[in-house]
Amino acid sequence: MHVKKDDLVVVLSGKDKGKKGKVLAAFPNDGKLIVEGVNVASRHQKPRKQGEEGGIIKKETPIYASKVMRVCPKCSQPTRVAHKILEDGTKTRVCKKCGASI
């Protein structure tokens, strides 16, 4: 998957198009991720224990990873991620636009 947890992403399509948010969780087997403040669903919850509050709870739901693009921390542009192998043999992600290491 081209994005990981704690990456800053921008949504490319859907009802939340243009929104930016941090990836809270990634599910590579499903090809989905949960992004902060994106695809929020309302859930009506009853109080389960005595003293617990019920009400409407807002919760982020998963979206497909193909609908988001990583934002480069250096150039602040949505960019594709390239992989580069350094001299010491470690693999790192780099920005396709400015070449900065992510």
N, C-alpha and C. Protein backbone atom coordinates (compact mmCIF):
# COMPACT_ATOMS: atom_id res chain seq x y z
N MET A 1 0.84 -1.17 0.00
CA MET A 1 0.00 0.00 0.00
C MET A 1 0.89 1.24 0.00
N HIS A 2 0.46 2.29 -0.69
CA HIS A 2 1.29 3.48 -0.86
C HIS A 2 1.24 4.46 0.31
N VAL A 3 0.33 4.25 1.27
CA VAL A 3 0.27 5.10 2.46
C VAL A 3 0.33 4.24 3.71
N LYS A 4 0.82 4.84 4.79
CA LYS A 4 0.95 4.13 6.06
C LYS A 4 0.30 4.95 7.16
N LYS A 5 0.24 4.39 8.34
CA LYS A 5 -0.32 5.09 9.50
C LYS A 5 0.50 6.36 9.77
N ASP A 6 -0.20 7.43 10.17
CA ASP A 6 0.38 8.74 10.50
C ASP A 6 0.83 9.55 9.29
N ASP A 7 0.55 9.09 8.06
CA ASP A 7 0.82 9.89 6.86
C ASP A 7 -0.26 10.96 6.72
N LEU A 8 0.10 12.11 6.14
CA LEU A 8 -0.87 13.15 5.83
C LEU A 8 -1.33 12.93 4.39
N VAL A 9 -2.65 12.81 4.19
CA VAL A 9 -3.19 12.52 2.87
C VAL A 9 -4.28 13.51 2.50
N VAL A 10 -4.58 13.60 1.20
CA VAL A 10 -5.68 14.41 0.69
C VAL A 10 -6.61 13.48 -0.08
N VAL A 11 -7.92 13.69 0.07
CA VAL A 11 -8.92 12.83 -0.58
C VAL A 11 -9.13 13.32 -2.01
N LEU A 12 -9.08 12.39 -2.98
CA LEU A 12 -9.18 12.72 -4.40
C LEU A 12 -10.60 12.69 -4.94
N SER A 13 -11.45 11.84 -4.39
CA SER A 13 -12.80 11.71 -4.93
C SER A 13 -13.79 11.34 -3.84
N GLY A 14 -15.07 11.56 -4.14
CA GLY A 14 -16.13 11.24 -3.19
C GLY A 14 -16.67 12.47 -2.52
N LYS A 15 -17.51 12.25 -1.50
CA LYS A 15 -18.17 13.36 -0.82
C LYS A 15 -17.21 14.24 -0.03
N ASP A 16 -16.05 13.71 0.34
CA ASP A 16 -15.06 14.46 1.11
C ASP A 16 -13.88 14.91 0.26
N LYS A 17 -14.09 15.08 -1.04
CA LYS A 17 -13.02 15.46 -1.97
C LYS A 17 -12.35 16.77 -1.52
N GLY A 18 -11.01 16.75 -1.48
CA GLY A 18 -10.25 17.93 -1.12
C GLY A 18 -9.87 18.03 0.34
N LYS A 19 -10.47 17.20 1.19
CA LYS A 19 -10.15 17.25 2.62
C LYS A 19 -8.80 16.61 2.89
N LYS A 20 -8.07 17.20 3.85
CA LYS A 20 -6.79 16.65 4.28
C LYS A 20 -6.96 16.05 5.66
N GLY A 21 -6.21 15.00 5.93
CA GLY A 21 -6.28 14.37 7.24
C GLY A 21 -5.16 13.38 7.44
N LYS A 22 -4.96 12.99 8.69
CA LYS A 22 -3.94 12.03 9.05
C LYS A 22 -4.52 10.62 9.03
N VAL A 23 -3.75 9.67 8.55
CA VAL A 23 -4.20 8.27 8.51
C VAL A 23 -4.13 7.71 9.93
N LEU A 24 -5.28 7.28 10.44
CA LEU A 24 -5.36 6.73 11.79
C LEU A 24 -5.08 5.23 11.82
N ALA A 25 -5.51 4.53 10.76
CA ALA A 25 -5.31 3.08 10.68
C ALA A 25 -5.29 2.66 9.22
N ALA A 26 -4.50 1.65 8.91
CA ALA A 26 -4.43 1.11 7.55
C ALA A 26 -4.74 -0.38 7.58
N PHE A 27 -5.53 -0.81 6.60
CA PHE A 27 -5.90 -2.22 6.47
C PHE A 27 -5.45 -2.71 5.09
N PRO A 28 -4.19 -3.16 4.96
CA PRO A 28 -3.65 -3.55 3.65
C PRO A 28 -4.39 -4.72 2.99
N ASN A 29 -4.93 -5.65 3.79
CA ASN A 29 -5.64 -6.79 3.21
C ASN A 29 -6.91 -6.37 2.49
N ASP A 30 -7.57 -5.32 3.00
CA ASP A 30 -8.80 -4.82 2.39
C ASP A 30 -8.53 -3.68 1.42
N GLY A 31 -7.33 -3.08 1.48
CA GLY A 31 -7.02 -1.92 0.65
C GLY A 31 -7.73 -0.67 1.13
N LYS A 32 -7.99 -0.59 2.44
CA LYS A 32 -8.72 0.54 3.00
C LYS A 32 -7.93 1.20 4.12
N LEU A 33 -8.33 2.45 4.45
CA LEU A 33 -7.75 3.15 5.57
C LEU A 33 -8.77 4.05 6.24
N ILE A 34 -8.47 4.41 7.48
CA ILE A 34 -9.31 5.35 8.21
C ILE A 34 -8.54 6.65 8.30
N VAL A 35 -9.17 7.74 7.80
CA VAL A 35 -8.55 9.05 7.78
C VAL A 35 -9.31 9.96 8.74
N GLU A 36 -8.56 10.74 9.50
CA GLU A 36 -9.12 11.63 10.51
C GLU A 36 -10.02 12.69 9.87
N GLY A 37 -11.29 12.73 10.28
CA GLY A 37 -12.23 13.74 9.80
C GLY A 37 -12.83 13.48 8.44
N VAL A 38 -12.59 12.30 7.88
CA VAL A 38 -13.09 11.95 6.54
C VAL A 38 -14.02 10.76 6.63
N ASN A 39 -15.12 10.78 5.87
CA ASN A 39 -16.11 9.70 5.82
C ASN A 39 -16.67 9.41 7.21
N VAL A 40 -17.18 10.47 7.85
CA VAL A 40 -17.70 10.36 9.20
C VAL A 40 -19.15 9.88 9.17
N ALA A 41 -19.44 8.86 9.97
CA ALA A 41 -20.79 8.31 10.07
C ALA A 41 -21.33 8.56 11.46
N SER A 42 -22.66 8.76 11.54
CA SER A 42 -23.31 8.95 12.83
C SER A 42 -23.90 7.63 13.29
N ARG A 43 -23.72 7.33 14.57
CA ARG A 43 -24.23 6.08 15.11
C ARG A 43 -25.03 6.40 16.36
N HIS A 44 -26.25 5.88 16.43
CA HIS A 44 -27.09 6.07 17.60
C HIS A 44 -26.78 4.96 18.59
N GLN A 45 -26.32 5.35 19.77
CA GLN A 45 -25.90 4.36 20.76
C GLN A 45 -26.71 4.51 22.05
N LYS A 46 -27.20 3.38 22.54
CA LYS A 46 -27.93 3.36 23.81
C LYS A 46 -26.92 3.22 24.95
N PRO A 47 -27.27 3.75 26.11
CA PRO A 47 -26.38 3.54 27.25
C PRO A 47 -26.41 2.06 27.67
N ARG A 48 -25.26 1.45 27.84
CA ARG A 48 -25.18 0.03 28.19
C ARG A 48 -25.12 -0.19 29.70
N LYS A 49 -24.41 0.67 30.41
CA LYS A 49 -24.26 0.53 31.86
C LYS A 49 -24.96 1.70 32.55
N GLN A 50 -25.24 1.52 33.80
CA GLN A 50 -25.87 2.60 34.56
C GLN A 50 -24.87 3.75 34.72
N GLY A 51 -25.33 4.97 34.40
CA GLY A 51 -24.45 6.13 34.47
C GLY A 51 -23.76 6.45 33.16
N GLU A 52 -23.80 5.56 32.19
CA GLU A 52 -23.18 5.79 30.89
C GLU A 52 -24.12 6.63 30.03
N GLU A 53 -23.54 7.50 29.23
CA GLU A 53 -24.34 8.38 28.37
C GLU A 53 -24.63 7.69 27.03
N GLY A 54 -25.83 7.90 26.54
CA GLY A 54 -26.17 7.45 25.21
C GLY A 54 -26.19 8.66 24.29
N GLY A 55 -26.52 8.46 23.04
CA GLY A 55 -26.62 9.59 22.12
C GLY A 55 -26.06 9.26 20.76
N ILE A 56 -25.87 10.30 19.97
CA ILE A 56 -25.34 10.14 18.62
C ILE A 56 -23.83 10.29 18.67
N ILE A 57 -23.13 9.26 18.20
CA ILE A 57 -21.67 9.24 18.20
C ILE A 57 -21.18 9.33 16.77
N LYS A 58 -20.25 10.25 16.51
CA LYS A 58 -19.66 10.40 15.18
C LYS A 58 -18.38 9.57 15.14
N LYS A 59 -18.21 8.80 14.05
CA LYS A 59 -17.08 7.89 13.94
C LYS A 59 -16.59 7.85 12.49
N GLU A 60 -15.27 7.85 12.30
CA GLU A 60 -14.70 7.72 10.95
C GLU A 60 -14.82 6.27 10.48
N THR A 61 -15.21 6.10 9.22
CA THR A 61 -15.32 4.76 8.65
C THR A 61 -14.27 4.61 7.54
N PRO A 62 -13.89 3.39 7.21
CA PRO A 62 -12.81 3.19 6.22
C PRO A 62 -13.20 3.64 4.82
N ILE A 63 -12.17 4.13 4.08
CA ILE A 63 -12.31 4.45 2.66
C ILE A 63 -11.22 3.72 1.90
N TYR A 64 -11.41 3.58 0.60
CA TYR A 64 -10.41 2.89 -0.22
C TYR A 64 -9.14 3.72 -0.33
N ALA A 65 -8.00 3.05 -0.27
CA ALA A 65 -6.70 3.72 -0.33
C ALA A 65 -6.46 4.38 -1.69
N SER A 66 -7.13 3.88 -2.73
CA SER A 66 -6.95 4.46 -4.07
C SER A 66 -7.59 5.84 -4.19
N LYS A 67 -8.43 6.22 -3.22
CA LYS A 67 -9.09 7.53 -3.24
C LYS A 67 -8.27 8.62 -2.56
N VAL A 68 -7.10 8.29 -2.03
CA VAL A 68 -6.28 9.29 -1.37
C VAL A 68 -4.89 9.37 -1.98
N MET A 69 -4.23 10.51 -1.75
CA MET A 69 -2.87 10.70 -2.22
C MET A 69 -2.05 11.32 -1.09
N ARG A 70 -0.84 10.87 -0.95
CA ARG A 70 0.08 11.33 0.11
C ARG A 70 0.46 12.77 -0.13
N VAL A 71 0.56 13.57 0.94
CA VAL A 71 1.00 14.96 0.86
C VAL A 71 2.45 15.02 1.32
N CYS A 72 3.31 15.63 0.49
CA CYS A 72 4.73 15.75 0.80
C CYS A 72 4.92 16.79 1.90
N PRO A 73 5.69 16.47 2.96
CA PRO A 73 5.90 17.44 4.02
C PRO A 73 6.75 18.63 3.61
N LYS A 74 7.60 18.46 2.59
CA LYS A 74 8.50 19.55 2.16
C LYS A 74 7.80 20.53 1.22
N CYS A 75 7.19 20.01 0.14
CA CYS A 75 6.57 20.89 -0.86
C CYS A 75 5.07 21.08 -0.66
N SER A 76 4.48 20.39 0.31
CA SER A 76 3.05 20.49 0.66
C SER A 76 2.12 20.23 -0.53
N GLN A 77 2.54 19.39 -1.46
CA GLN A 77 1.75 19.04 -2.64
C GLN A 77 1.35 17.56 -2.56
N PRO A 78 0.15 17.23 -3.07
CA PRO A 78 -0.19 15.80 -3.18
C PRO A 78 0.74 15.16 -4.21
N THR A 79 1.32 14.06 -3.84
CA THR A 79 2.32 13.45 -4.72
C THR A 79 2.25 11.93 -4.67
N ARG A 80 2.75 11.33 -5.71
CA ARG A 80 2.90 9.88 -5.71
C ARG A 80 4.18 9.55 -4.95
N VAL A 81 4.24 8.33 -4.46
CA VAL A 81 5.39 7.92 -3.65
C VAL A 81 6.28 7.02 -4.48
N ALA A 82 7.58 7.36 -4.51
CA ALA A 82 8.57 6.52 -5.18
C ALA A 82 9.42 5.86 -4.10
N HIS A 83 10.00 4.72 -4.44
CA HIS A 83 10.87 4.02 -3.49
C HIS A 83 12.30 4.09 -4.01
N LYS A 84 13.23 4.40 -3.10
CA LYS A 84 14.63 4.55 -3.48
C LYS A 84 15.48 3.74 -2.51
N ILE A 85 16.47 3.05 -3.03
CA ILE A 85 17.38 2.28 -2.19
C ILE A 85 18.65 3.10 -2.00
N LEU A 86 18.99 3.39 -0.74
CA LEU A 86 20.17 4.19 -0.43
C LEU A 86 21.43 3.34 -0.49
N GLU A 87 22.59 4.01 -0.34
CA GLU A 87 23.88 3.31 -0.45
C GLU A 87 24.06 2.24 0.63
N ASP A 88 23.50 2.50 1.82
CA ASP A 88 23.66 1.52 2.90
C ASP A 88 22.66 0.36 2.81
N GLY A 89 21.83 0.36 1.74
CA GLY A 89 20.91 -0.75 1.51
C GLY A 89 19.52 -0.57 2.06
N THR A 90 19.26 0.53 2.74
CA THR A 90 17.92 0.76 3.28
C THR A 90 17.00 1.32 2.20
N LYS A 91 15.73 0.93 2.29
CA LYS A 91 14.73 1.36 1.33
C LYS A 91 13.95 2.53 1.94
N THR A 92 13.80 3.62 1.19
CA THR A 92 13.09 4.79 1.70
C THR A 92 12.08 5.28 0.68
N ARG A 93 11.08 6.03 1.16
CA ARG A 93 10.07 6.62 0.28
C ARG A 93 10.48 8.04 -0.05
N VAL A 94 10.32 8.43 -1.32
CA VAL A 94 10.66 9.79 -1.75
C VAL A 94 9.49 10.40 -2.53
N CYS A 95 9.46 11.74 -2.54
CA CYS A 95 8.43 12.49 -3.26
C CYS A 95 8.77 12.50 -4.74
N LYS A 96 7.79 12.24 -5.61
CA LYS A 96 8.00 12.24 -7.05
C LYS A 96 8.21 13.65 -7.60
N LYS A 97 7.65 14.67 -6.89
CA LYS A 97 7.71 16.05 -7.39
C LYS A 97 8.99 16.76 -7.02
N CYS A 98 9.37 16.71 -5.72
CA CYS A 98 10.55 17.46 -5.29
C CYS A 98 11.74 16.57 -4.96
N GLY A 99 11.53 15.27 -4.84
CA GLY A 99 12.63 14.34 -4.56
C GLY A 99 13.01 14.25 -3.10
N ALA A 100 12.25 14.90 -2.20
CA ALA A 100 12.58 14.86 -0.77
C ALA A 100 12.23 13.50 -0.19
N SER A 101 13.02 13.09 0.80
CA SER A 101 12.76 11.84 1.49
C SER A 101 11.58 12.01 2.42
N ILE A 102 10.68 11.04 2.38
CA ILE A 102 9.45 11.11 3.20
C ILE A 102 9.65 10.28 4.44
